[in-house]
Structures are given as C-alpha cells and as structure tokens.
Amino acid sequence: MSKHKEELEHRLKLRNIQLSDYNDIRELMTLIYEQKGMAYTRQELKNQIKAFPEGQICIEDNGKVVAVALSVVVEYSKFGDSHTYDEITGFGKFDTHDLENGDTLYGTDVFVHPEYRGLRLGRRLYDARKELCENLNLRSIIAGGRIPGYSKYADQMTPRKYIELVKNKEIYDPVLSFQLANEFHVRKVITKYLPEDKDSKAFATLLEWNNIYYEKDEKLIGNSKSIVRLGLVQWKMRRFKDVDDLMQQVEFFVDTVSGYKSDFCLLPEFFNAPLLADFNDMDASEAIRNLADYTEEVLSRMRDLALSYNVNIIAGSMPEYDGKKLRNVSYLCRRDGTTDKQYKLHITPDEQAYWGLQGGNGISVFDTDAGRIGILICYDVEFPELGRILAEQEMDILFVPFWTDTKNAYLRVSTCAKARAVENECYVAITGSVGNLPRVENMDIQHSQAAIYSPSDFSFPHDAVIAEASLNTETTIVADVDLDLLTKLRKMGSVRNLAQRRLDVYSIQWKRK
C-alpha cells in the first residue's frame, strides 16, 4: 500500500471532548465562523467540559477533531421559547447546566469540517445526542437553529414562509434542511437569537426532537411494562356436564398460561357454547337465551381466576340477555379484581336469523397494567373503522376472540386482523375454537388457527406474524410483544399510518355516545 493511500484512509472515532482538543476545535470554528467571531476561548471550553463532560462530543479522524457537538441540560421552563443563545448558555460558560432539575438537552453547537461533510458526520453527532437524551431520561432536545440561506430571500419573503418552503424542499438551507432530515420539527421562529448572525438576519428556528422513551417521575416498582406476554387458548369444543366441568377446563388453561408468567389470557368467542347441549330440545333462539343464564356465574369465576392466577383474562365472549335484548359480550377480568366489558357491534346474518342477536352501541380502549387494549369480537374486526377508532385512543394490543366454522370464514377474520395490525400500528391477538359439537344447532363445526400479528417494519418479524398455533388443534400460544417498538414505529417507522393520515380531507366520527 502506498504512503499516499495510507494518508487518505480515515480512522473515525466518536468520543467526548477533552481540553487538549482546544486547538483543533478553535481551528475548526475559525474556519467555519470566520466572519462571525464565534470561536470559543480555551477558558470557555474548559468551563463547558467541567459543567457537562458527557454532553461535549466530537469525532476525530486519525487523532484530529473534525466534527463537534456541544450541549447542556436545562430546566427549560426557566428560559421559555423566547430566549437568546447567550441567555441559555450563560454567555458560553454553560453555568446554566442543571442535571438535577433539568428536563431538556439543549444543543448549543454542531459544526463539521467542510472537507468532511460528505461523510454524514453531523448525523452521527445528532444520533449521539439522541442516545444521550434517552439515557438521561430527558423530555426532548431543543436547539436554536440558524437559517443561513435566508439572507438570499429576505427581501422576498418572511422567515416563516422561507421555513415552509424549506420543509417542502422547494428551497435548500444548509442548516435547517439537515435538522429537518434528522427528525427535528420547528416549534417557532425566534428573533435576535444570534444578533451577529447576518446570514440568518438574526432570525433562528426553535427546533425540537421529542424523546419517545421519556418517563416522568419513574417509580422503582409498579411501572408500566414494556415487554408484555400474551397467552392465547385455542379451545376445543367438547361436551361438558355442567358449569363446574366447563370451568375446570378453563382453569387448566389459565393455570397453564399463568405458569409461563403471561400478562393476558385470551379465550375464544362463545367458548361456553357446549353448555347449549342441555337445551337441545329447544328452538335455537330460546336455547341461547337459556345459555345466557350461566353468564353471571362464569364471569364471577373468571374474576376469581384472574385474581388467583395473577393474569388479565379476556373471557372470550358469552351471551347476555336482559329480557329485552340478546347481546354478545366479552369481559375483561383484570388481575386487580376489576372488570370491563365490550359488546359485539356487528351481528352476522346467521346470528341474527338463528338467535336474534343485537349489536352494542359503544367501543372503548381499556387501561391495564400491561398496556392499553381493545377488544373486537370476531366479525367486528372486519370493519376497519372500529380498529382506527381504538387506535386514535392509543391502543397497544387488540384482542379478537372469534368463532368460525369454515376455512373461508376464518380467513376473513385472520386477514382483516393482519390489516388492523399494519394500519393501526398495534399488535393483534386472535383465537378461536376447534373440534365439533354434534347435536348443538348452529355451533356444530369449528375452524381455527390462533395467532399474534404485528405491524410490518424492520423491528418486527419479516412476515408480521409473531406466533401461530397449529391448525385445528387444541393448544396454547405464549409469546412476548414489545410495546416500546410500537412507540418507535409511530415516530420513526418506514411508514407512519397514524401520523400521516390526511385529517384535512377525511376523518372517522363516532355518532352515538
């Protein structure tokens, strides 16, 4: 290898700044800010390192500093949005740094040697700042950004118009375009931020990057879970002598998924249908109303199981009859002893014809100790509006208990469930029943393949399927889902279905309270 080629090889290293780097940094600042008198003195750099050594970052190449990012931690409310550079940096001394009470990483400077700008070193520095912000559990990164390209357009447009055109890529600004590409957004335009900055006409953008992992007042115990374990029961329809016999089988599966420390146990729609066998001599509509007489007892025992096995149970669904309306309801039995319920909204033609089922009129997202969840019973998942309404209420996991008799019916449910996961940036868990129920009208055959679906992006399985049960076999699925990945997806995904909806041209409205 020739000596000349050796000299051209880069040896880049990201690290914290030391005072011995001062000559390199002064040379770099003088080169970039030659007309602005903005290079720091040795004493100023010493003060900055002493105040917050972790926040002063550089990239060296073969031992020479070629890129720099400086920052402080501040309690932002003390300064507000109308601050100047000198105010928030303590005139460059960084004596405004307050790690104990601060909630914001304030970026004071980023500069890269002109000969290195093709290597995207600025992006590396910004990524290092973001990592620092996350590790310090700070709310956001805020910076005052120069708009050096504005001087060419100052006599044609306001700073606000200029920023709008840069956002739309009609104009390129060497600073603002880079900051927008690094996930910062403009909060406002500020004036007299750097009075000596003639290129920006003393205007600046107030930029912010929000830390999606920020946790305010984090507790030592009882914090919200990030990794949530789901237990799905693919239930076999079999004859049961009575409720005790039914609940013995339910308890077996609750015990099983609880033994794997699951946070949720999901049962199928109409898992208690085998009890219909007691009413074979009745009309189908009369039989299911008699089945509804068992619902209160089953619910009570489900609540006890949730408590004793320390697992949140989505109790499939059961018929509810109040003497006037027959409805299909799914109960959430939390492990703290509380319950909620979700009615099935859409009734299939078959359910209406045989049983006279009626749909509910409301939909909710439920808070649990393992995330915000929604429940859509079977046919409801085939209506995309419902999933979107739940997503707008910050749902993390959608549970779908279903009952399908044939493969094509199952594929409608499973295919739509996959779509709900993608379009609403959430996890979807589905499970149904298998086996046969001879001599039980309208519930005789079953088809199921329980599954857990995810959004489709780099952080998730390549086919967006986290787990899948064996087809038409009584079994369970136990698998983990990561709620932090949803947070990341919604802010930084390849596509952002929720954030990028055109709410200026369409919306979904819930008509009934």
Protein backbone atom coordinates (compact mmCIF):
# COMPACT_ATOMS: atom_id res chain seq x y z
CA MET A 1 0.00 0.00 0.00
CA SER A 2 1.43 3.40 -0.95
CA LYS A 3 2.10 6.10 1.62
CA HIS A 4 -0.32 8.42 -0.19
CA LYS A 5 -3.14 5.87 0.11
CA GLU A 6 -2.40 5.40 3.81
CA GLU A 7 -2.76 9.14 4.35
CA LEU A 8 -6.19 9.11 2.74
CA GLU A 9 -7.58 6.34 4.97
CA HIS A 10 -9.99 7.52 7.66
CA ARG A 11 -9.90 6.41 11.27
CA LEU A 12 -13.07 7.94 12.71
CA LYS A 13 -13.76 7.83 16.44
CA LEU A 14 -16.75 9.24 18.34
CA ARG A 15 -15.83 10.38 21.88
CA ASN A 16 -16.17 13.10 24.49
CA ILE A 17 -14.15 16.28 24.10
CA GLN A 18 -11.03 16.90 26.19
CA LEU A 19 -9.37 20.23 26.87
CA SER A 20 -6.37 19.05 24.84
CA ASP A 21 -8.64 19.24 21.77
CA TYR A 22 -8.92 23.01 22.07
CA ASN A 23 -6.50 23.91 19.24
CA ASP A 24 -8.33 21.61 16.82
CA ILE A 25 -11.72 22.99 17.86
CA ARG A 26 -10.60 26.64 17.64
CA GLU A 27 -9.14 25.99 14.18
CA LEU A 28 -12.38 24.34 13.13
CA MET A 29 -14.61 27.12 14.48
CA THR A 30 -12.42 29.82 12.95
CA LEU A 31 -12.67 28.09 9.58
CA ILE A 32 -16.47 27.83 9.76
CA TYR A 33 -17.35 31.07 11.58
CA GLU A 34 -14.58 33.26 10.16
CA GLN A 35 -16.86 36.27 9.68
CA LYS A 36 -18.78 35.88 12.91
CA GLY A 37 -16.25 35.90 15.76
CA MET A 38 -17.90 32.86 17.31
CA ALA A 39 -14.90 30.68 18.24
CA TYR A 40 -14.74 29.75 21.93
CA THR A 41 -11.77 30.65 24.12
CA ARG A 42 -9.82 27.97 25.93
CA GLN A 43 -11.39 29.02 29.22
CA GLU A 44 -14.91 28.77 27.77
CA LEU A 45 -14.24 25.25 26.52
CA LYS A 46 -12.80 24.35 29.91
CA ASN A 47 -15.96 25.62 31.60
CA GLN A 48 -18.16 23.66 29.19
CA ILE A 49 -16.30 20.41 29.81
CA LYS A 50 -16.32 20.95 33.57
CA ALA A 51 -20.08 21.72 33.60
CA PHE A 52 -21.20 18.73 31.50
CA PRO A 53 -18.39 16.50 30.19
CA GLU A 54 -20.80 13.88 28.77
CA GLY A 55 -22.57 16.48 26.64
CA GLN A 56 -19.48 17.69 24.76
CA ILE A 57 -18.95 15.26 21.88
CA CYS A 58 -16.57 15.15 18.94
CA ILE A 59 -15.46 12.93 16.07
CA GLU A 60 -11.73 12.63 15.42
CA ASP A 61 -10.06 11.34 12.29
CA ASN A 62 -6.57 9.96 12.80
CA GLY A 63 -6.37 11.91 16.06
CA LYS A 64 -7.60 15.27 14.71
CA VAL A 65 -11.03 16.67 15.69
CA VAL A 66 -13.14 17.20 12.56
CA ALA A 67 -16.70 17.47 13.96
CA VAL A 68 -18.15 18.77 17.23
CA ALA A 69 -21.48 18.86 19.08
CA LEU A 70 -21.90 20.80 22.33
CA SER A 71 -24.87 20.73 24.71
CA VAL A 72 -26.19 21.47 28.19
CA VAL A 73 -29.09 20.17 30.27
CA VAL A 74 -31.51 22.89 31.34
CA GLU A 75 -34.82 23.27 33.11
CA TYR A 76 -36.44 24.67 30.00
CA SER A 77 -39.35 26.43 31.69
CA LYS A 78 -36.86 28.88 33.24
CA PHE A 79 -36.00 30.19 29.79
CA GLY A 80 -39.09 29.67 27.64
CA ASP A 81 -39.29 29.87 23.87
CA SER A 82 -38.12 33.48 23.55
CA HIS A 83 -34.62 33.01 24.94
CA THR A 84 -31.39 34.09 23.25
CA TYR A 85 -28.29 31.99 22.72
CA ASP A 86 -26.35 33.94 25.37
CA GLU A 87 -29.13 33.54 27.94
CA ILE A 88 -29.50 29.79 27.69
CA THR A 89 -25.72 29.08 27.50
CA GLY A 90 -24.71 31.57 30.20
CA PHE A 91 -22.76 33.54 27.58
CA GLY A 92 -20.92 30.38 26.60
CA LYS A 93 -19.89 29.40 30.15
CA PHE A 94 -22.59 26.69 30.42
CA ASP A 95 -23.30 27.67 34.03
CA THR A 96 -26.98 27.20 33.15
CA HIS A 97 -26.40 23.42 33.16
CA ASP A 98 -28.73 21.75 35.69
CA LEU A 99 -28.67 17.95 35.54
CA GLU A 100 -30.61 17.58 38.80
CA ASN A 101 -33.68 19.59 37.77
CA GLY A 102 -33.24 19.76 34.01
CA ASP A 103 -35.68 18.15 31.61
CA THR A 104 -34.22 19.21 28.24
CA LEU A 105 -30.96 18.58 26.42
CA TYR A 106 -30.19 21.92 24.77
CA GLY A 107 -27.97 21.69 21.69
CA THR A 108 -25.75 24.75 21.56
CA ASP A 109 -23.50 24.00 18.59
CA VAL A 110 -22.83 21.47 15.86
CA PHE A 111 -20.09 22.04 13.32
CA VAL A 112 -18.28 19.81 10.84
CA HIS A 113 -15.11 20.47 8.87
CA PRO A 114 -16.14 21.38 5.30
CA GLU A 115 -13.92 18.66 3.82
CA TYR A 116 -15.81 16.00 5.83
CA ARG A 117 -19.41 16.98 5.10
CA GLY A 118 -19.88 14.16 2.61
CA LEU A 119 -19.32 11.59 5.36
CA ARG A 120 -22.53 12.47 7.23
CA LEU A 121 -20.69 13.14 10.47
CA GLY A 122 -23.40 15.56 11.52
CA ARG A 123 -25.88 12.68 11.53
CA ARG A 124 -23.57 10.68 13.81
CA LEU A 125 -23.37 13.59 16.23
CA TYR A 126 -27.15 14.04 16.24
CA ASP A 127 -27.62 10.30 16.87
CA ALA A 128 -25.18 10.52 19.79
CA ARG A 129 -27.18 13.41 21.24
CA LYS A 130 -30.40 11.43 20.93
CA GLU A 131 -28.79 8.48 22.69
CA LEU A 132 -27.62 10.79 25.48
CA CYS A 133 -31.09 12.32 25.80
CA GLU A 134 -32.69 8.87 26.09
CA ASN A 135 -30.13 7.58 28.58
CA LEU A 136 -30.57 10.64 30.80
CA ASN A 137 -34.37 10.27 30.54
CA LEU A 138 -34.82 13.84 29.31
CA ARG A 139 -38.03 15.03 27.71
CA SER A 140 -36.54 16.39 24.48
CA ILE A 141 -33.67 18.00 22.62
CA ILE A 142 -34.18 21.68 21.82
CA ALA A 143 -31.88 23.90 19.79
CA GLY A 144 -31.87 27.29 18.20
CA GLY A 145 -31.11 26.71 14.55
CA ARG A 146 -29.50 29.18 12.18
CA ILE A 147 -31.08 29.67 8.75
CA PRO A 148 -28.04 30.94 6.80
CA GLY A 149 -29.75 30.65 3.42
CA TYR A 150 -32.41 33.17 4.42
CA SER A 151 -30.27 36.21 3.54
CA LYS A 152 -30.78 35.42 -0.17
CA TYR A 153 -34.56 35.57 0.22
CA ALA A 154 -35.04 38.14 2.98
CA ASP A 155 -36.33 40.81 0.61
CA GLN A 156 -38.81 38.34 -0.96
CA MET A 157 -40.44 36.55 1.98
CA THR A 158 -40.82 36.32 5.73
CA PRO A 159 -38.78 33.80 7.76
CA ARG A 160 -41.96 31.79 8.27
CA LYS A 161 -42.53 31.48 4.52
CA TYR A 162 -38.87 30.60 3.99
CA ILE A 163 -39.10 27.80 6.57
CA GLU A 164 -42.26 26.47 4.94
CA LEU A 165 -40.52 26.27 1.56
CA VAL A 166 -37.51 24.52 3.10
CA LYS A 167 -39.85 21.96 4.70
CA ASN A 168 -41.43 21.32 1.31
CA LYS A 169 -37.94 21.02 -0.26
CA GLU A 170 -38.56 23.96 -2.58
CA ILE A 171 -35.51 25.67 -1.03
CA TYR A 172 -32.39 24.08 0.44
CA ASP A 173 -30.94 25.56 3.62
CA PRO A 174 -27.59 24.04 4.71
CA VAL A 175 -28.59 24.00 8.38
CA LEU A 176 -32.39 23.73 8.53
CA SER A 177 -32.68 21.09 5.79
CA PHE A 178 -30.23 18.91 7.70
CA GLN A 179 -32.06 19.37 11.00
CA LEU A 180 -35.45 18.51 9.50
CA ALA A 181 -33.94 15.38 7.94
CA ASN A 182 -32.85 14.36 11.45
CA GLU A 183 -36.41 14.28 12.83
CA PHE A 184 -36.47 17.75 14.38
CA HIS A 185 -39.55 19.91 13.98
CA VAL A 186 -39.81 23.70 14.10
CA ARG A 187 -41.66 24.97 17.17
CA LYS A 188 -41.47 28.66 16.25
CA VAL A 189 -39.34 31.43 14.76
CA ILE A 190 -37.32 33.44 17.25
CA THR A 191 -35.68 36.82 16.72
CA LYS A 192 -32.37 38.28 17.94
CA TYR A 193 -31.18 34.78 18.83
CA LEU A 194 -27.70 35.49 17.48
CA PRO A 195 -27.64 39.20 16.59
CA GLU A 196 -24.23 38.82 14.90
CA ASP A 197 -25.55 36.12 12.52
CA LYS A 198 -26.04 38.26 9.42
CA ASP A 199 -26.71 35.33 7.09
CA SER A 200 -29.80 34.45 9.14
CA LYS A 201 -30.74 38.12 9.59
CA ALA A 202 -30.63 37.36 13.36
CA PHE A 203 -33.60 35.02 12.98
CA ALA A 204 -33.48 31.42 14.12
CA THR A 205 -35.71 28.37 14.24
CA LEU A 206 -36.58 26.88 17.60
CA LEU A 207 -36.22 23.17 16.90
CA GLU A 208 -37.31 20.18 18.97
CA TRP A 209 -36.83 16.41 18.95
CA ASN A 210 -39.05 14.54 21.38
CA ASN A 211 -37.72 11.58 23.34
CA ILE A 212 -40.43 8.94 22.90
CA TYR A 213 -38.96 6.91 25.78
CA TYR A 214 -39.17 9.72 28.33
CA GLU A 215 -40.66 8.58 31.64
CA LYS A 216 -41.72 11.29 34.08
CA ASP A 217 -41.32 10.51 37.79
CA GLU A 218 -40.25 6.94 37.19
CA LYS A 219 -41.13 4.65 40.10
CA LEU A 220 -38.92 1.89 41.50
CA ILE A 221 -41.77 -0.64 41.27
CA GLY A 222 -45.14 -0.75 39.51
CA ASN A 223 -44.00 0.94 36.29
CA SER A 224 -45.76 0.30 33.00
CA LYS A 225 -44.49 -2.83 31.27
CA SER A 226 -42.60 -2.70 28.02
CA ILE A 227 -42.42 -6.44 27.30
CA VAL A 228 -45.91 -7.96 27.55
CA ARG A 229 -46.51 -11.71 27.45
CA LEU A 230 -49.66 -12.95 25.73
CA GLY A 231 -51.25 -16.34 26.33
CA LEU A 232 -53.85 -17.49 23.77
CA VAL A 233 -56.05 -20.55 24.27
CA GLN A 234 -57.13 -22.41 21.15
CA TRP A 235 -60.11 -24.13 22.72
CA LYS A 236 -61.58 -27.49 21.82
CA MET A 237 -65.36 -27.72 21.80
CA ARG A 238 -66.37 -30.79 23.81
CA ARG A 239 -69.36 -31.85 25.86
CA PHE A 240 -69.36 -30.61 29.48
CA LYS A 241 -71.67 -31.96 32.17
CA ASP A 242 -72.19 -28.55 33.81
CA VAL A 243 -70.56 -25.22 34.62
CA ASP A 244 -68.17 -26.85 37.07
CA ASP A 245 -66.93 -29.17 34.35
CA LEU A 246 -66.54 -26.24 31.93
CA MET A 247 -64.65 -24.10 34.44
CA GLN A 248 -62.33 -26.95 35.32
CA GLN A 249 -61.11 -26.90 31.73
CA VAL A 250 -60.92 -23.09 31.72
CA GLU A 251 -58.84 -23.16 34.91
CA PHE A 252 -56.47 -25.70 33.38
CA PHE A 253 -55.62 -23.28 30.55
CA VAL A 254 -55.49 -20.19 32.80
CA ASP A 255 -53.10 -22.09 35.07
CA THR A 256 -51.03 -23.12 32.04
CA VAL A 257 -50.50 -19.63 30.59
CA SER A 258 -50.08 -18.16 34.08
CA GLY A 259 -47.33 -20.70 34.72
CA TYR A 260 -45.43 -19.02 31.87
CA LYS A 261 -45.98 -15.63 33.60
CA SER A 262 -48.36 -14.38 30.91
CA ASP A 263 -49.89 -10.95 31.36
CA PHE A 264 -53.02 -11.85 29.37
CA CYS A 265 -55.06 -14.99 28.75
CA LEU A 266 -57.39 -14.84 25.72
CA LEU A 267 -60.28 -17.28 25.27
CA PRO A 268 -62.44 -17.66 22.12
CA GLU A 269 -65.88 -16.32 21.28
CA PHE A 270 -68.69 -18.47 22.74
CA PHE A 271 -66.24 -20.80 24.49
CA ASN A 272 -69.16 -21.84 26.75
CA ALA A 273 -71.30 -23.00 23.80
CA PRO A 274 -71.01 -26.69 24.79
CA LEU A 275 -73.50 -25.95 27.57
CA LEU A 276 -76.09 -25.44 24.82
CA ALA A 277 -76.36 -29.23 24.69
CA ASP A 278 -78.58 -29.03 27.77
CA PHE A 279 -81.17 -27.21 25.65
CA ASN A 280 -81.24 -29.37 22.53
CA ASP A 281 -85.00 -29.77 22.79
CA MET A 282 -85.49 -26.01 22.37
CA ASP A 283 -85.52 -23.66 19.42
CA ALA A 284 -82.03 -22.16 18.78
CA SER A 285 -83.12 -18.66 19.86
CA GLU A 286 -84.60 -19.99 23.09
CA ALA A 287 -81.57 -22.20 23.78
CA ILE A 288 -79.05 -19.37 23.61
CA ARG A 289 -81.17 -17.22 25.93
CA ASN A 290 -81.04 -20.06 28.41
CA LEU A 291 -77.27 -20.24 27.91
CA ALA A 292 -77.13 -16.57 28.93
CA ASP A 293 -78.34 -17.62 32.41
CA TYR A 294 -74.88 -19.04 33.05
CA THR A 295 -73.01 -15.86 32.10
CA GLU A 296 -73.05 -14.15 35.51
CA GLU A 297 -71.71 -17.26 37.26
CA VAL A 298 -68.99 -17.81 34.66
CA LEU A 299 -67.98 -14.15 34.91
CA SER A 300 -67.70 -14.37 38.70
CA ARG A 301 -65.49 -17.42 38.47
CA MET A 302 -63.36 -15.83 35.73
CA ARG A 303 -62.81 -12.84 38.01
CA ASP A 304 -61.62 -15.20 40.77
CA LEU A 305 -59.25 -16.96 38.35
CA ALA A 306 -57.73 -13.63 37.25
CA LEU A 307 -57.00 -12.78 40.86
CA SER A 308 -55.70 -16.14 41.98
CA TYR A 309 -53.53 -16.77 38.91
CA ASN A 310 -52.34 -13.15 38.56
CA VAL A 311 -53.28 -12.83 34.90
CA ASN A 312 -55.61 -10.50 32.98
CA ILE A 313 -58.28 -12.64 31.32
CA ILE A 314 -60.20 -11.70 28.18
CA ALA A 315 -63.06 -14.10 28.73
CA GLY A 316 -63.80 -14.79 25.07
CA SER A 317 -67.43 -13.91 24.71
CA MET A 318 -70.74 -15.07 26.16
CA PRO A 319 -74.40 -14.28 25.50
CA GLU A 320 -76.09 -11.67 27.70
CA TYR A 321 -79.87 -11.40 27.92
CA ASP A 322 -81.73 -8.77 29.95
CA GLY A 323 -85.24 -9.87 28.97
CA LYS A 324 -85.37 -7.45 26.04
CA LYS A 325 -82.07 -7.67 24.18
CA LEU A 326 -79.78 -10.59 23.48
CA ARG A 327 -76.19 -9.43 23.00
CA ASN A 328 -72.74 -10.95 22.67
CA VAL A 329 -70.28 -9.62 25.27
CA SER A 330 -66.59 -10.05 26.04
CA TYR A 331 -65.43 -9.44 29.59
CA LEU A 332 -62.03 -8.16 30.63
CA CYS A 333 -61.20 -9.54 34.08
CA ARG A 334 -58.14 -7.72 35.35
CA ARG A 335 -55.84 -9.31 37.88
CA ASP A 336 -56.54 -6.46 40.31
CA GLY A 337 -60.17 -7.63 40.58
CA THR A 338 -61.80 -5.01 38.32
CA THR A 339 -63.79 -5.83 35.19
CA ASP A 340 -64.91 -4.16 31.98
CA LYS A 341 -66.91 -5.39 29.02
CA GLN A 342 -67.13 -4.90 25.28
CA TYR A 343 -70.25 -5.76 23.27
CA LYS A 344 -70.07 -7.12 19.76
CA LEU A 345 -71.28 -4.33 17.48
CA HIS A 346 -71.85 -6.09 14.18
CA ILE A 347 -74.08 -9.14 14.03
CA THR A 348 -73.73 -11.63 11.19
CA PRO A 349 -76.82 -12.55 9.14
CA ASP A 350 -76.65 -16.07 10.60
CA GLU A 351 -76.55 -14.83 14.21
CA GLN A 352 -79.50 -12.58 13.56
CA ALA A 353 -81.54 -15.28 11.79
CA TYR A 354 -80.95 -18.10 14.31
CA TRP A 355 -80.66 -16.25 17.60
CA GLY A 356 -81.93 -12.70 17.19
CA LEU A 357 -78.69 -11.21 18.49
CA GLN A 358 -78.45 -7.40 18.60
CA GLY A 359 -75.31 -5.29 18.42
CA GLY A 360 -73.92 -2.98 21.08
CA ASN A 361 -73.50 0.76 20.61
CA GLY A 362 -70.13 1.61 22.13
CA ILE A 363 -66.45 0.85 21.91
CA SER A 364 -63.64 1.51 24.37
CA VAL A 365 -59.94 1.20 24.99
CA PHE A 366 -59.22 -0.35 28.39
CA ASP A 367 -56.30 0.51 30.63
CA THR A 368 -54.44 -2.45 32.12
CA ASP A 369 -51.16 -2.90 33.97
CA ALA A 370 -49.69 -4.21 30.72
CA GLY A 371 -50.78 -1.61 28.18
CA ARG A 372 -53.92 -0.14 26.65
CA ILE A 373 -56.03 -2.77 24.95
CA GLY A 374 -59.07 -3.06 22.71
CA ILE A 375 -61.44 -5.98 22.13
CA LEU A 376 -63.27 -6.68 18.89
CA ILE A 377 -65.38 -9.82 18.78
CA CYS A 378 -64.99 -11.83 15.56
CA TYR A 379 -67.00 -10.08 12.81
CA ASP A 380 -66.17 -6.65 14.27
CA VAL A 381 -62.53 -6.94 13.21
CA GLU A 382 -63.70 -6.97 9.58
CA PHE A 383 -64.78 -3.32 9.92
CA PRO A 384 -61.65 -1.12 9.71
CA GLU A 385 -63.35 1.90 11.24
CA LEU A 386 -63.50 0.23 14.66
CA GLY A 387 -59.79 -0.53 14.77
CA ARG A 388 -58.98 3.02 13.75
CA ILE A 389 -61.22 4.50 16.46
CA LEU A 390 -59.41 2.36 19.03
CA ALA A 391 -56.01 3.34 17.61
CA GLU A 392 -56.93 7.00 17.98
CA GLN A 393 -57.31 6.24 21.70
CA GLU A 394 -53.71 4.94 21.82
CA MET A 395 -54.46 1.22 21.84
CA ASP A 396 -51.38 -1.04 22.02
CA ILE A 397 -52.91 -4.52 21.70
CA LEU A 398 -56.14 -5.59 20.01
CA PHE A 399 -57.67 -8.87 21.19
CA VAL A 400 -60.04 -10.71 18.85
CA PRO A 401 -61.91 -13.70 20.26
CA PHE A 402 -63.66 -15.39 17.33
CA TRP A 403 -65.75 -18.40 16.34
CA THR A 404 -65.64 -19.58 12.73
CA ASP A 405 -66.97 -22.77 11.24
CA THR A 406 -65.14 -22.95 7.89
CA LYS A 407 -61.77 -22.02 6.45
CA ASN A 408 -63.07 -19.15 4.37
CA ALA A 409 -64.79 -17.67 7.45
CA TYR A 410 -61.54 -18.00 9.40
CA LEU A 411 -59.55 -16.35 6.61
CA ARG A 412 -61.84 -13.34 6.66
CA VAL A 413 -61.10 -12.83 10.35
CA SER A 414 -57.35 -13.54 10.18
CA THR A 415 -56.72 -11.48 7.05
CA CYS A 416 -58.57 -8.49 8.45
CA ALA A 417 -56.73 -8.87 11.77
CA LYS A 418 -53.40 -8.65 9.93
CA ALA A 419 -54.60 -5.49 8.20
CA ARG A 420 -55.65 -3.93 11.51
CA ALA A 421 -52.13 -4.52 12.89
CA VAL A 422 -50.48 -2.77 9.96
CA GLU A 423 -52.83 0.16 9.51
CA ASN A 424 -53.20 0.89 13.24
CA GLU A 425 -49.59 0.20 14.28
CA CYS A 426 -50.57 -2.24 17.03
CA TYR A 427 -50.39 -5.90 17.95
CA VAL A 428 -53.42 -8.10 17.23
CA ALA A 429 -54.07 -11.41 19.02
CA ILE A 430 -56.78 -13.75 17.71
CA THR A 431 -58.03 -17.11 18.88
CA GLY A 432 -60.98 -19.40 18.17
CA SER A 433 -62.30 -22.90 18.79
CA VAL A 434 -61.59 -26.26 17.17
CA GLY A 435 -63.37 -29.62 17.12
CA ASN A 436 -67.06 -30.47 16.73
CA LEU A 437 -70.24 -30.22 18.77
CA PRO A 438 -72.69 -32.84 17.42
CA ARG A 439 -76.37 -32.12 18.10
CA VAL A 440 -75.75 -28.45 19.03
CA GLU A 441 -77.57 -26.41 16.43
CA ASN A 442 -75.60 -23.59 14.75
CA MET A 443 -72.40 -24.47 16.67
CA ASP A 444 -71.59 -27.85 15.20
CA ILE A 445 -68.16 -27.40 13.47
CA GLN A 446 -65.16 -25.18 14.24
CA HIS A 447 -62.06 -23.95 12.37
CA SER A 448 -59.21 -22.02 13.99
CA GLN A 449 -55.56 -21.12 13.90
CA ALA A 450 -54.76 -18.73 16.75
CA ALA A 451 -52.10 -16.12 16.03
CA ILE A 452 -50.40 -12.91 17.14
CA TYR A 453 -49.78 -10.33 14.41
CA SER A 454 -47.51 -7.28 14.42
CA PRO A 455 -47.03 -4.21 12.22
CA SER A 456 -44.80 -4.75 9.20
CA ASP A 457 -41.47 -2.95 9.56
CA PHE A 458 -37.82 -3.70 10.30
CA SER A 459 -38.25 -4.12 14.07
CA PHE A 460 -40.89 -6.83 13.65
CA PRO A 461 -40.95 -10.35 12.14
CA HIS A 462 -40.45 -10.33 8.37
CA ASP A 463 -43.95 -11.72 7.79
CA ALA A 464 -45.56 -9.68 10.61
CA VAL A 465 -46.51 -12.93 12.40
CA ILE A 466 -45.12 -13.21 15.93
CA ALA A 467 -46.63 -16.62 16.68
CA GLU A 468 -49.11 -19.04 15.14
CA ALA A 469 -50.81 -22.12 16.58
CA SER A 470 -51.14 -25.47 14.90
CA LEU A 471 -54.24 -25.55 12.73
CA ASN A 472 -57.37 -27.06 14.29
CA THR A 473 -55.57 -28.46 17.34
CA GLU A 474 -56.34 -27.72 20.98
CA THR A 475 -53.27 -25.83 22.20
CA THR A 476 -51.92 -22.54 23.53
CA ILE A 477 -49.65 -19.78 22.25
CA VAL A 478 -47.39 -17.91 24.66
CA ALA A 479 -45.35 -15.09 23.14
CA ASP A 480 -43.92 -11.68 24.02
CA VAL A 481 -44.70 -8.35 22.38
CA ASP A 482 -42.60 -5.20 22.87
CA LEU A 483 -44.67 -2.04 23.37
CA ASP A 484 -41.60 0.19 23.01
CA LEU A 485 -41.28 -0.99 19.41
CA LEU A 486 -44.75 0.44 18.74
CA THR A 487 -43.67 3.78 20.18
CA LYS A 488 -40.61 3.78 17.96
CA LEU A 489 -42.62 2.74 14.90
CA ARG A 490 -45.17 5.52 15.34
CA LYS A 491 -42.42 8.15 15.45
CA MET A 492 -39.74 6.73 13.18
CA GLY A 493 -41.24 3.91 11.10
CA SER A 494 -40.64 3.43 7.40
CA VAL A 495 -44.28 4.47 7.00
CA ARG A 496 -46.44 6.09 9.70
CA ASN A 497 -50.03 5.21 9.05
CA LEU A 498 -51.43 7.04 12.07
CA ALA A 499 -49.31 10.18 11.94
CA GLN A 500 -49.68 10.68 8.20
CA ARG A 501 -53.45 10.43 7.88
CA ARG A 502 -54.94 13.25 5.81
CA LEU A 503 -57.17 14.60 8.56
CA ASP A 504 -57.56 17.75 6.49
CA VAL A 505 -59.64 15.79 3.97
CA TYR A 506 -61.24 12.91 5.93
CA SER A 507 -61.98 11.67 9.44
CA ILE A 508 -63.92 8.96 11.31
CA GLN A 509 -66.62 10.16 13.69
CA TRP A 510 -68.42 8.17 16.36
CA LYS A 511 -72.07 9.21 16.21
CA ARG A 512 -73.56 7.62 19.31
CA LYS A 513 -72.50 8.26 22.90
